[in-house]
PDB file of all heavy atoms in Angstrom:
ATOM      1  N   ILE A   1     -54.485 -42.929  40.147  1.00  0.00           N
ATOM      2  CA  ILE A   1     -54.832 -41.630  39.509  1.00  0.00           C
ATOM      3  C   ILE A   1     -54.335 -41.563  38.087  1.00  0.00           C
ATOM      4  O   ILE A   1     -54.273 -40.548  37.472  1.00  0.00           O
ATOM      5  CB  ILE A   1     -54.125 -40.452  40.396  1.00  0.00           C
ATOM      6  CG1 ILE A   1     -52.597 -40.676  40.306  1.00  0.00           C
ATOM      7  CG2 ILE A   1     -54.648 -40.396  41.784  1.00  0.00           C
ATOM      8  CD1 ILE A   1     -51.871 -39.419  40.806  1.00  0.00           C
ATOM      9  N   GLY A   2     -53.892 -42.762  37.491  1.00  0.00           N
ATOM     10  CA  GLY A   2     -53.301 -42.732  36.185  1.00  0.00           C
ATOM     11  C   GLY A   2     -54.229 -42.222  35.021  1.00  0.00           C
ATOM     12  O   GLY A   2     -53.788 -41.693  34.085  1.00  0.00           O
ATOM     13  N   ASP A   3     -55.505 -42.306  35.317  1.00  0.00           N
ATOM     14  CA  ASP A   3     -56.460 -41.899  34.366  1.00  0.00           C
ATOM     15  C   ASP A   3     -57.127 -40.463  34.550  1.00  0.00           C
ATOM     16  O   ASP A   3     -57.956 -39.998  33.850  1.00  0.00           O
ATOM     17  CB  ASP A   3     -57.628 -42.890  34.272  1.00  0.00           C
ATOM     18  CG  ASP A   3     -58.416 -42.962  35.592  1.00  0.00           C
ATOM     19  OD1 ASP A   3     -57.806 -42.658  36.636  1.00  0.00           O
ATOM     20  OD2 ASP A   3     -59.559 -43.443  35.574  1.00  0.00           O
ATOM     21  N   LEU A   4     -56.525 -39.817  35.653  1.00  0.00           N
ATOM     22  CA  LEU A   4     -56.983 -38.400  35.891  1.00  0.00           C
ATOM     23  C   LEU A   4     -56.263 -37.392  35.144  1.00  0.00           C
ATOM     24  O   LEU A   4     -55.024 -37.513  34.845  1.00  0.00           O
ATOM     25  CB  LEU A   4     -56.836 -38.193  37.396  1.00  0.00           C
ATOM     26  CG  LEU A   4     -57.551 -39.077  38.368  1.00  0.00           C
ATOM     27  CD1 LEU A   4     -57.336 -38.453  39.766  1.00  0.00           C
ATOM     28  CD2 LEU A   4     -59.045 -39.150  37.980  1.00  0.00           C
ATOM     29  N   ASN A   5     -57.006 -36.251  34.699  1.00  0.00           N
ATOM     30  CA  ASN A   5     -56.294 -35.252  33.996  1.00  0.00           C
ATOM     31  C   ASN A   5     -55.632 -34.246  34.946  1.00  0.00           C
ATOM     32  O   ASN A   5     -55.672 -34.456  36.173  1.00  0.00           O
ATOM     33  CB  ASN A   5     -57.417 -34.472  33.157  1.00  0.00           C
ATOM     34  CG  ASN A   5     -58.472 -33.830  34.053  1.00  0.00           C
ATOM     35  OD1 ASN A   5     -58.178 -33.505  35.141  1.00  0.00           O
ATOM     36  ND2 ASN A   5     -59.692 -33.634  33.493  1.00  0.00           N
ATOM     37  N   PRO A   6     -54.799 -33.324  34.414  1.00  0.00           N
ATOM     38  CA  PRO A   6     -54.063 -32.424  35.280  1.00  0.00           C
ATOM     39  C   PRO A   6     -54.918 -31.745  36.349  1.00  0.00           C
ATOM     40  O   PRO A   6     -54.441 -31.577  37.437  1.00  0.00           O
ATOM     41  CB  PRO A   6     -53.377 -31.504  34.301  1.00  0.00           C
ATOM     42  CG  PRO A   6     -53.268 -32.251  32.984  1.00  0.00           C
ATOM     43  CD  PRO A   6     -54.510 -33.029  32.920  1.00  0.00           C
ATOM     44  N   ARG A   7     -56.060 -31.229  35.928  1.00  0.00           N
ATOM     45  CA  ARG A   7     -56.892 -30.469  36.902  1.00  0.00           C
ATOM     46  C   ARG A   7     -57.306 -31.308  38.117  1.00  0.00           C
ATOM     47  O   ARG A   7     -57.206 -30.803  39.204  1.00  0.00           O
ATOM     48  CB  ARG A   7     -58.139 -29.931  36.125  1.00  0.00           C
ATOM     49  CG  ARG A   7     -59.099 -29.092  37.067  1.00  0.00           C
ATOM     50  CD  ARG A   7     -60.302 -28.652  36.249  1.00  0.00           C
ATOM     51  NE  ARG A   7     -61.088 -29.749  35.838  1.00  0.00           N
ATOM     52  CZ  ARG A   7     -61.921 -30.426  36.593  1.00  0.00           C
ATOM     53  NH1 ARG A   7     -62.084 -30.120  37.921  1.00  0.00           N
ATOM     54  NH2 ARG A   7     -62.671 -31.445  36.108  1.00  0.00           N
ATOM     55  N   ARG A   8     -57.621 -32.577  37.832  1.00  0.00           N
ATOM     56  CA  ARG A   8     -58.068 -33.426  38.988  1.00  0.00           C
ATOM     57  C   ARG A   8     -56.881 -33.837  39.805  1.00  0.00           C
ATOM     58  O   ARG A   8     -57.031 -33.992  40.990  1.00  0.00           O
ATOM     59  CB  ARG A   8     -58.793 -34.568  38.423  1.00  0.00           C
ATOM     60  CG  ARG A   8     -60.153 -34.256  37.713  1.00  0.00           C
ATOM     61  CD  ARG A   8     -60.875 -35.490  37.133  1.00  0.00           C
ATOM     62  NE  ARG A   8     -61.343 -36.303  38.221  1.00  0.00           N
ATOM     63  CZ  ARG A   8     -61.901 -37.501  38.073  1.00  0.00           C
ATOM     64  NH1 ARG A   8     -62.064 -38.002  36.805  1.00  0.00           N
ATOM     65  NH2 ARG A   8     -62.281 -38.223  39.062  1.00  0.00           N
ATOM     66  N   ARG A   9     -55.767 -33.991  39.116  1.00  0.00           N
ATOM     67  CA  ARG A   9     -54.547 -34.357  39.974  1.00  0.00           C
ATOM     68  C   ARG A   9     -54.183 -33.225  40.828  1.00  0.00           C
ATOM     69  O   ARG A   9     -53.742 -33.391  42.048  1.00  0.00           O
ATOM     70  CB  ARG A   9     -53.388 -34.803  38.954  1.00  0.00           C
ATOM     71  CG  ARG A   9     -53.640 -36.079  38.301  1.00  0.00           C
ATOM     72  CD  ARG A   9     -52.452 -36.605  37.620  1.00  0.00           C
ATOM     73  NE  ARG A   9     -52.828 -37.651  36.669  1.00  0.00           N
ATOM     74  CZ  ARG A   9     -51.946 -38.468  36.029  1.00  0.00           C
ATOM     75  NH1 ARG A   9     -50.659 -38.352  36.288  1.00  0.00           N
ATOM     76  NH2 ARG A   9     -52.377 -39.335  35.190  1.00  0.00           N
ATOM     77  N   ARG A  10     -54.195 -31.999  40.295  1.00  0.00           N
ATOM     78  CA  ARG A  10     -53.889 -30.826  41.096  1.00  0.00           C
ATOM     79  C   ARG A  10     -54.872 -30.693  42.278  1.00  0.00           C
ATOM     80  O   ARG A  10     -54.348 -30.269  43.352  1.00  0.00           O
ATOM     81  CB  ARG A  10     -53.989 -29.553  40.285  1.00  0.00           C
ATOM     82  CG  ARG A  10     -52.904 -29.382  39.126  1.00  0.00           C
ATOM     83  CD  ARG A  10     -53.082 -28.134  38.330  1.00  0.00           C
ATOM     84  NE  ARG A  10     -52.883 -26.946  39.113  1.00  0.00           N
ATOM     85  CZ  ARG A  10     -51.722 -26.371  39.336  1.00  0.00           C
ATOM     86  NH1 ARG A  10     -50.622 -26.913  38.837  1.00  0.00           N
ATOM     87  NH2 ARG A  10     -51.640 -25.246  40.034  1.00  0.00           N
ATOM     88  N   ALA A  11     -56.078 -31.037  42.078  1.00  0.00           N
ATOM     89  CA  ALA A  11     -56.976 -30.904  43.196  1.00  0.00           C
ATOM     90  C   ALA A  11     -56.609 -31.902  44.337  1.00  0.00           C
ATOM     91  O   ALA A  11     -56.919 -31.683  45.530  1.00  0.00           O
ATOM     92  CB  ALA A  11     -58.411 -31.252  42.749  1.00  0.00           C
ATOM     93  N   LEU A  12     -55.932 -33.010  43.911  1.00  0.00           N
ATOM     94  CA  LEU A  12     -55.421 -34.014  44.967  1.00  0.00           C
ATOM     95  C   LEU A  12     -54.051 -33.610  45.493  1.00  0.00           C
ATOM     96  O   LEU A  12     -53.581 -34.344  46.455  1.00  0.00           O
ATOM     97  CB  LEU A  12     -55.408 -35.335  44.335  1.00  0.00           C
ATOM     98  CG  LEU A  12     -56.748 -35.967  43.921  1.00  0.00           C
ATOM     99  CD1 LEU A  12     -56.468 -37.260  43.227  1.00  0.00           C
ATOM    100  CD2 LEU A  12     -57.649 -36.203  45.139  1.00  0.00           C
ATOM    101  N   GLY A  13     -53.534 -32.523  44.990  1.00  0.00           N
ATOM    102  CA  GLY A  13     -52.188 -32.104  45.514  1.00  0.00           C
ATOM    103  C   GLY A  13     -50.952 -32.446  44.746  1.00  0.00           C
ATOM    104  O   GLY A  13     -49.801 -32.296  45.185  1.00  0.00           O
ATOM    105  N   VAL A  14     -51.164 -32.966  43.467  1.00  0.00           N
ATOM    106  CA  VAL A  14     -50.028 -33.214  42.574  1.00  0.00           C
ATOM    107  C   VAL A  14     -49.867 -32.087  41.586  1.00  0.00           C
ATOM    108  O   VAL A  14     -50.669 -31.846  40.777  1.00  0.00           O
ATOM    109  CB  VAL A  14     -50.317 -34.492  41.738  1.00  0.00           C
ATOM    110  CG1 VAL A  14     -49.148 -34.890  40.900  1.00  0.00           C
ATOM    111  CG2 VAL A  14     -50.558 -35.716  42.684  1.00  0.00           C
ATOM    112  N   ARG A  15     -48.746 -31.451  41.739  1.00  0.00           N
ATOM    113  CA  ARG A  15     -48.416 -30.234  40.850  1.00  0.00           C
ATOM    114  C   ARG A  15     -47.209 -30.389  40.086  1.00  0.00           C
ATOM    115  O   ARG A  15     -46.298 -31.251  40.362  1.00  0.00           O
ATOM    116  CB  ARG A  15     -48.256 -28.984  41.810  1.00  0.00           C
ATOM    117  CG  ARG A  15     -49.515 -28.550  42.530  1.00  0.00           C
ATOM    118  CD  ARG A  15     -49.299 -27.466  43.457  1.00  0.00           C
ATOM    119  NE  ARG A  15     -50.570 -26.871  43.942  1.00  0.00           N
ATOM    120  CZ  ARG A  15     -51.060 -25.709  43.423  1.00  0.00           C
ATOM    121  NH1 ARG A  15     -50.511 -24.996  42.520  1.00  0.00           N
ATOM    122  NH2 ARG A  15     -52.240 -25.225  43.930  1.00  0.00           N
ATOM    123  N   TYR A  16     -47.117 -29.642  38.991  1.00  0.00           N
ATOM    124  CA  TYR A  16     -46.056 -29.879  37.940  1.00  0.00           C
ATOM    125  C   TYR A  16     -45.533 -28.521  37.440  1.00  0.00           C
ATOM    126  O   TYR A  16     -46.289 -27.596  37.114  1.00  0.00           O
ATOM    127  CB  TYR A  16     -46.693 -30.670  36.833  1.00  0.00           C
ATOM    128  CG  TYR A  16     -45.813 -30.884  35.682  1.00  0.00           C
ATOM    129  CD1 TYR A  16     -44.603 -31.354  35.646  1.00  0.00           C
ATOM    130  CD2 TYR A  16     -46.322 -30.542  34.344  1.00  0.00           C
ATOM    131  CE1 TYR A  16     -43.769 -31.579  34.615  1.00  0.00           C
ATOM    132  CE2 TYR A  16     -45.586 -30.702  33.237  1.00  0.00           C
ATOM    133  CZ  TYR A  16     -44.314 -31.194  33.394  1.00  0.00           C
ATOM    134  OH  TYR A  16     -43.485 -31.328  32.233  1.00  0.00           O
ATOM    135  N   VAL A  17     -44.263 -28.418  37.426  1.00  0.00           N
ATOM    136  CA  VAL A  17     -43.464 -27.245  36.720  1.00  0.00           C
ATOM    137  C   VAL A  17     -42.837 -27.763  35.462  1.00  0.00           C
ATOM    138  O   VAL A  17     -41.916 -28.480  35.562  1.00  0.00           O
ATOM    139  CB  VAL A  17     -42.501 -26.655  37.665  1.00  0.00           C
ATOM    140  CG1 VAL A  17     -41.696 -25.502  36.992  1.00  0.00           C
ATOM    141  CG2 VAL A  17     -43.144 -26.136  38.944  1.00  0.00           C
ATOM    142  N   PRO A  18     -43.363 -27.397  34.321  1.00  0.00           N
ATOM    143  CA  PRO A  18     -42.797 -27.912  33.082  1.00  0.00           C
ATOM    144  C   PRO A  18     -41.510 -27.168  32.756  1.00  0.00           C
ATOM    145  O   PRO A  18     -41.240 -26.158  33.282  1.00  0.00           O
ATOM    146  CB  PRO A  18     -43.899 -27.595  32.041  1.00  0.00           C
ATOM    147  CG  PRO A  18     -44.610 -26.415  32.554  1.00  0.00           C
ATOM    148  CD  PRO A  18     -44.570 -26.572  34.072  1.00  0.00           C
ATOM    149  N   GLU A  19     -40.742 -27.838  31.850  1.00  0.00           N
ATOM    150  CA  GLU A  19     -39.439 -27.177  31.487  1.00  0.00           C
ATOM    151  C   GLU A  19     -39.598 -26.028  30.650  1.00  0.00           C
ATOM    152  O   GLU A  19     -38.889 -25.015  30.608  1.00  0.00           O
ATOM    153  CB  GLU A  19     -38.529 -28.219  30.773  1.00  0.00           C
ATOM    154  CG  GLU A  19     -39.057 -28.728  29.371  1.00  0.00           C
ATOM    155  CD  GLU A  19     -38.050 -29.443  28.575  1.00  0.00           C
ATOM    156  OE1 GLU A  19     -36.897 -29.505  28.980  1.00  0.00           O
ATOM    157  OE2 GLU A  19     -38.460 -30.038  27.527  1.00  0.00           O
ATOM    158  N   ASP A  20     -40.740 -25.989  29.759  1.00  0.00           N
ATOM    159  CA  ASP A  20     -40.926 -24.831  28.849  1.00  0.00           C
ATOM    160  C   ASP A  20     -41.846 -23.842  29.571  1.00  0.00           C
ATOM    161  O   ASP A  20     -43.055 -23.955  29.709  1.00  0.00           O
ATOM    162  CB  ASP A  20     -41.612 -25.321  27.566  1.00  0.00           C
ATOM    163  CG  ASP A  20     -41.812 -24.286  26.621  1.00  0.00           C
ATOM    164  OD1 ASP A  20     -41.322 -23.129  26.814  1.00  0.00           O
ATOM    165  OD2 ASP A  20     -42.445 -24.463  25.551  1.00  0.00           O
ATOM    166  N   ARG A  21     -41.249 -22.723  30.023  1.00  0.00           N
ATOM    167  CA  ARG A  21     -42.005 -21.793  30.842  1.00  0.00           C
ATOM    168  C   ARG A  21     -42.843 -20.860  30.118  1.00  0.00           C
ATOM    169  O   ARG A  21     -43.983 -20.534  30.553  1.00  0.00           O
ATOM    170  CB  ARG A  21     -40.978 -20.958  31.724  1.00  0.00           C
ATOM    171  CG  ARG A  21     -39.916 -20.205  30.908  1.00  0.00           C
ATOM    172  CD  ARG A  21     -38.780 -19.737  31.772  1.00  0.00           C
ATOM    173  NE  ARG A  21     -37.676 -19.240  31.067  1.00  0.00           N
ATOM    174  CZ  ARG A  21     -36.449 -19.439  31.428  1.00  0.00           C
ATOM    175  NH1 ARG A  21     -36.133 -20.099  32.623  1.00  0.00           N
ATOM    176  NH2 ARG A  21     -35.426 -18.973  30.773  1.00  0.00           N
ATOM    177  N   ALA A  22     -42.450 -20.495  28.836  1.00  0.00           N
ATOM    178  CA  ALA A  22     -43.193 -19.571  28.091  1.00  0.00           C
ATOM    179  C   ALA A  22     -44.090 -20.424  27.157  1.00  0.00           C
ATOM    180  O   ALA A  22     -43.733 -20.959  26.143  1.00  0.00           O
ATOM    181  CB  ALA A  22     -42.342 -18.641  27.223  1.00  0.00           C
ATOM    182  N   GLY A  23     -45.504 -20.520  27.439  1.00  0.00           N
ATOM    183  CA  GLY A  23     -46.334 -21.165  26.598  1.00  0.00           C
ATOM    184  C   GLY A  23     -46.934 -22.478  27.280  1.00  0.00           C
ATOM    185  O   GLY A  23     -48.049 -22.764  27.159  1.00  0.00           O
ATOM    186  N   HIS A  24     -46.049 -23.073  28.066  1.00  0.00           N
ATOM    187  CA  HIS A  24     -46.600 -24.292  28.793  1.00  0.00           C
ATOM    188  C   HIS A  24     -46.684 -24.011  30.264  1.00  0.00           C
ATOM    189  O   HIS A  24     -47.721 -24.323  30.829  1.00  0.00           O
ATOM    190  CB  HIS A  24     -45.472 -25.359  28.609  1.00  0.00           C
ATOM    191  CG  HIS A  24     -45.905 -26.767  28.982  1.00  0.00           C
ATOM    192  ND1 HIS A  24     -45.203 -27.957  28.958  1.00  0.00           N
ATOM    193  CD2 HIS A  24     -47.167 -27.202  29.519  1.00  0.00           C
ATOM    194  CE1 HIS A  24     -45.906 -28.978  29.306  1.00  0.00           C
ATOM    195  NE2 HIS A  24     -47.109 -28.540  29.654  1.00  0.00           N
ATOM    196  N   GLY A  25     -45.731 -23.300  30.919  1.00  0.00           N
ATOM    197  CA  GLY A  25     -45.787 -22.985  32.307  1.00  0.00           C
ATOM    198  C   GLY A  25     -46.605 -21.664  32.515  1.00  0.00           C
ATOM    199  O   GLY A  25     -47.103 -21.452  33.629  1.00  0.00           O
ATOM    200  N   ALA A  26     -46.660 -20.849  31.502  1.00  0.00           N
ATOM    201  CA  ALA A  26     -47.389 -19.583  31.680  1.00  0.00           C
ATOM    202  C   ALA A  26     -47.833 -19.116  30.322  1.00  0.00           C
ATOM    203  O   ALA A  26     -47.247 -19.456  29.265  1.00  0.00           O
ATOM    204  CB  ALA A  26     -46.500 -18.552  32.268  1.00  0.00           C
ATOM    205  N   VAL A  27     -48.943 -18.311  30.321  1.00  0.00           N
ATOM    206  CA  VAL A  27     -49.347 -17.607  29.049  1.00  0.00           C
ATOM    207  C   VAL A  27     -48.779 -16.259  29.187  1.00  0.00           C
ATOM    208  O   VAL A  27     -49.259 -15.458  29.972  1.00  0.00           O
ATOM    209  CB  VAL A  27     -50.919 -17.540  28.936  1.00  0.00           C
ATOM    210  CG1 VAL A  27     -51.341 -16.850  27.737  1.00  0.00           C
ATOM    211  CG2 VAL A  27     -51.456 -18.964  29.019  1.00  0.00           C
ATOM    212  N   VAL A  28     -47.782 -15.938  28.362  1.00  0.00           N
ATOM    213  CA  VAL A  28     -47.020 -14.720  28.489  1.00  0.00           C
ATOM    214  C   VAL A  28     -47.805 -13.462  28.118  1.00  0.00           C
ATOM    215  O   VAL A  28     -47.446 -12.312  28.600  1.00  0.00           O
ATOM    216  CB  VAL A  28     -45.744 -14.698  27.728  1.00  0.00           C
ATOM    217  CG1 VAL A  28     -44.772 -15.856  28.291  1.00  0.00           C
ATOM    218  CG2 VAL A  28     -46.012 -14.984  26.204  1.00  0.00           C
ATOM    219  N   GLU A  29     -48.875 -13.626  27.352  1.00  0.00           N
ATOM    220  CA  GLU A  29     -49.670 -12.424  27.042  1.00  0.00           C
ATOM    221  C   GLU A  29     -50.622 -12.004  28.230  1.00  0.00           C
ATOM    222  O   GLU A  29     -51.108 -10.913  28.210  1.00  0.00           O
ATOM    223  CB  GLU A  29     -50.556 -12.762  25.946  1.00  0.00           C
ATOM    224  CG  GLU A  29     -49.793 -12.963  24.553  1.00  0.00           C
ATOM    225  CD  GLU A  29     -49.303 -14.313  24.368  1.00  0.00           C
ATOM    226  OE1 GLU A  29     -49.596 -15.251  25.256  1.00  0.00           O
ATOM    227  OE2 GLU A  29     -48.547 -14.660  23.426  1.00  0.00           O
ATOM    228  N   LEU A  30     -50.770 -12.877  29.250  1.00  0.00           N
ATOM    229  CA  LEU A  30     -51.637 -12.508  30.331  1.00  0.00           C
ATOM    230  C   LEU A  30     -50.816 -12.003  31.494  1.00  0.00           C
ATOM    231  O   LEU A  30     -49.622 -12.242  31.610  1.00  0.00           O
ATOM    232  CB  LEU A  30     -52.375 -13.842  30.778  1.00  0.00           C
ATOM    233  CG  LEU A  30     -53.320 -14.486  29.718  1.00  0.00           C
ATOM    234  CD1 LEU A  30     -54.051 -15.704  30.340  1.00  0.00           C
ATOM    235  CD2 LEU A  30     -54.326 -13.404  29.192  1.00  0.00           C
ATOM    236  N   THR A  31     -51.466 -11.392  32.474  1.00  0.00           N
ATOM    237  CA  THR A  31     -50.794 -10.887  33.607  1.00  0.00           C
ATOM    238  C   THR A  31     -50.550 -11.987  34.624  1.00  0.00           C
ATOM    239  O   THR A  31     -50.965 -13.081  34.469  1.00  0.00           O
ATOM    240  CB  THR A  31     -51.704  -9.869  34.362  1.00  0.00           C
ATOM    241  OG1 THR A  31     -52.884 -10.516  34.914  1.00  0.00           O
ATOM    242  CG2 THR A  31     -52.197  -8.791  33.426  1.00  0.00           C
ATOM    243  N   LEU A  32     -49.649 -11.639  35.622  1.00  0.00           N
ATOM    244  CA  LEU A  32     -49.398 -12.636  36.677  1.00  0.00           C
ATOM    245  C   LEU A  32     -50.572 -13.062  37.451  1.00  0.00           C
ATOM    246  O   LEU A  32     -50.715 -14.250  37.811  1.00  0.00           O
ATOM    247  CB  LEU A  32     -48.255 -12.087  37.614  1.00  0.00           C
ATOM    248  CG  LEU A  32     -47.010 -11.782  36.902  1.00  0.00           C
ATOM    249  CD1 LEU A  32     -45.917 -11.267  37.855  1.00  0.00           C
ATOM    250  CD2 LEU A  32     -46.448 -12.903  36.117  1.00  0.00           C
ATOM    251  N   THR A  33     -51.430 -12.092  37.668  1.00  0.00           N
ATOM    252  CA  THR A  33     -52.848 -12.451  38.295  1.00  0.00           C
ATOM    253  C   THR A  33     -53.541 -13.485  37.493  1.00  0.00           C
ATOM    254  O   THR A  33     -54.017 -14.426  37.934  1.00  0.00           O
ATOM    255  CB  THR A  33     -53.635 -11.203  38.566  1.00  0.00           C
ATOM    256  OG1 THR A  33     -52.891 -10.342  39.481  1.00  0.00           O
ATOM    257  CG2 THR A  33     -54.944 -11.554  39.082  1.00  0.00           C
ATOM    258  N   GLU A  34     -53.665 -13.186  36.192  1.00  0.00           N
ATOM    259  CA  GLU A  34     -54.440 -14.029  35.308  1.00  0.00           C
ATOM    260  C   GLU A  34     -53.758 -15.388  35.185  1.00  0.00           C
ATOM    261  O   GLU A  34     -54.467 -16.452  35.067  1.00  0.00           O
ATOM    262  CB  GLU A  34     -54.548 -13.384  33.906  1.00  0.00           C
ATOM    263  CG  GLU A  34     -55.562 -12.188  33.984  1.00  0.00           C
ATOM    264  CD  GLU A  34     -55.346 -11.273  32.768  1.00  0.00           C
ATOM    265  OE1 GLU A  34     -54.341 -11.395  32.058  1.00  0.00           O
ATOM    266  OE2 GLU A  34     -56.342 -10.518  32.481  1.00  0.00           O
ATOM    267  N   ASN A  35     -52.436 -15.453  35.221  1.00  0.00           N
ATOM    268  CA  ASN A  35     -51.775 -16.804  35.178  1.00  0.00           C
ATOM    269  C   ASN A  35     -52.043 -17.522  36.436  1.00  0.00           C
ATOM    270  O   ASN A  35     -51.956 -18.728  36.461  1.00  0.00           O
ATOM    271  CB  ASN A  35     -50.205 -16.532  34.925  1.00  0.00           C
ATOM    272  CG  ASN A  35     -49.866 -16.523  33.536  1.00  0.00           C
ATOM    273  OD1 ASN A  35     -49.798 -17.556  32.831  1.00  0.00           O
ATOM    274  ND2 ASN A  35     -49.618 -15.250  32.999  1.00  0.00           N
ATOM    275  N   SER A  36     -52.236 -16.848  37.553  1.00  0.00           N
ATOM    276  CA  SER A  36     -52.632 -17.481  38.851  1.00  0.00           C
ATOM    277  C   SER A  36     -54.023 -18.068  38.666  1.00  0.00           C
ATOM    278  O   SER A  36     -54.315 -19.192  39.208  1.00  0.00           O
ATOM    279  CB  SER A  36     -52.428 -16.558  40.068  1.00  0.00           C
ATOM    280  OG  SER A  36     -51.089 -16.116  40.148  1.00  0.00           O
ATOM    281  N   LEU A  37     -54.889 -17.301  38.113  1.00  0.00           N
ATOM    282  CA  LEU A  37     -56.291 -17.795  37.921  1.00  0.00           C
ATOM    283  C   LEU A  37     -56.310 -19.046  37.162  1.00  0.00           C
ATOM    284  O   LEU A  37     -57.201 -19.879  37.401  1.00  0.00           O
ATOM    285  CB  LEU A  37     -57.079 -16.617  37.255  1.00  0.00           C
ATOM    286  CG  LEU A  37     -57.580 -15.497  38.054  1.00  0.00           C
ATOM    287  CD1 LEU A  37     -58.193 -14.401  37.168  1.00  0.00           C
ATOM    288  CD2 LEU A  37     -58.609 -15.955  39.022  1.00  0.00           C
TER     289      LEU A  37
END
């Protein structure tokens, strides 16, 4: 899976929580629902 992008890896069950929560882990201008979308 080394050549797969994050979306395709997530579809296979590989998930990632980055250290930078504001901007990388979430878009702070959006709602929590939109961040889930």
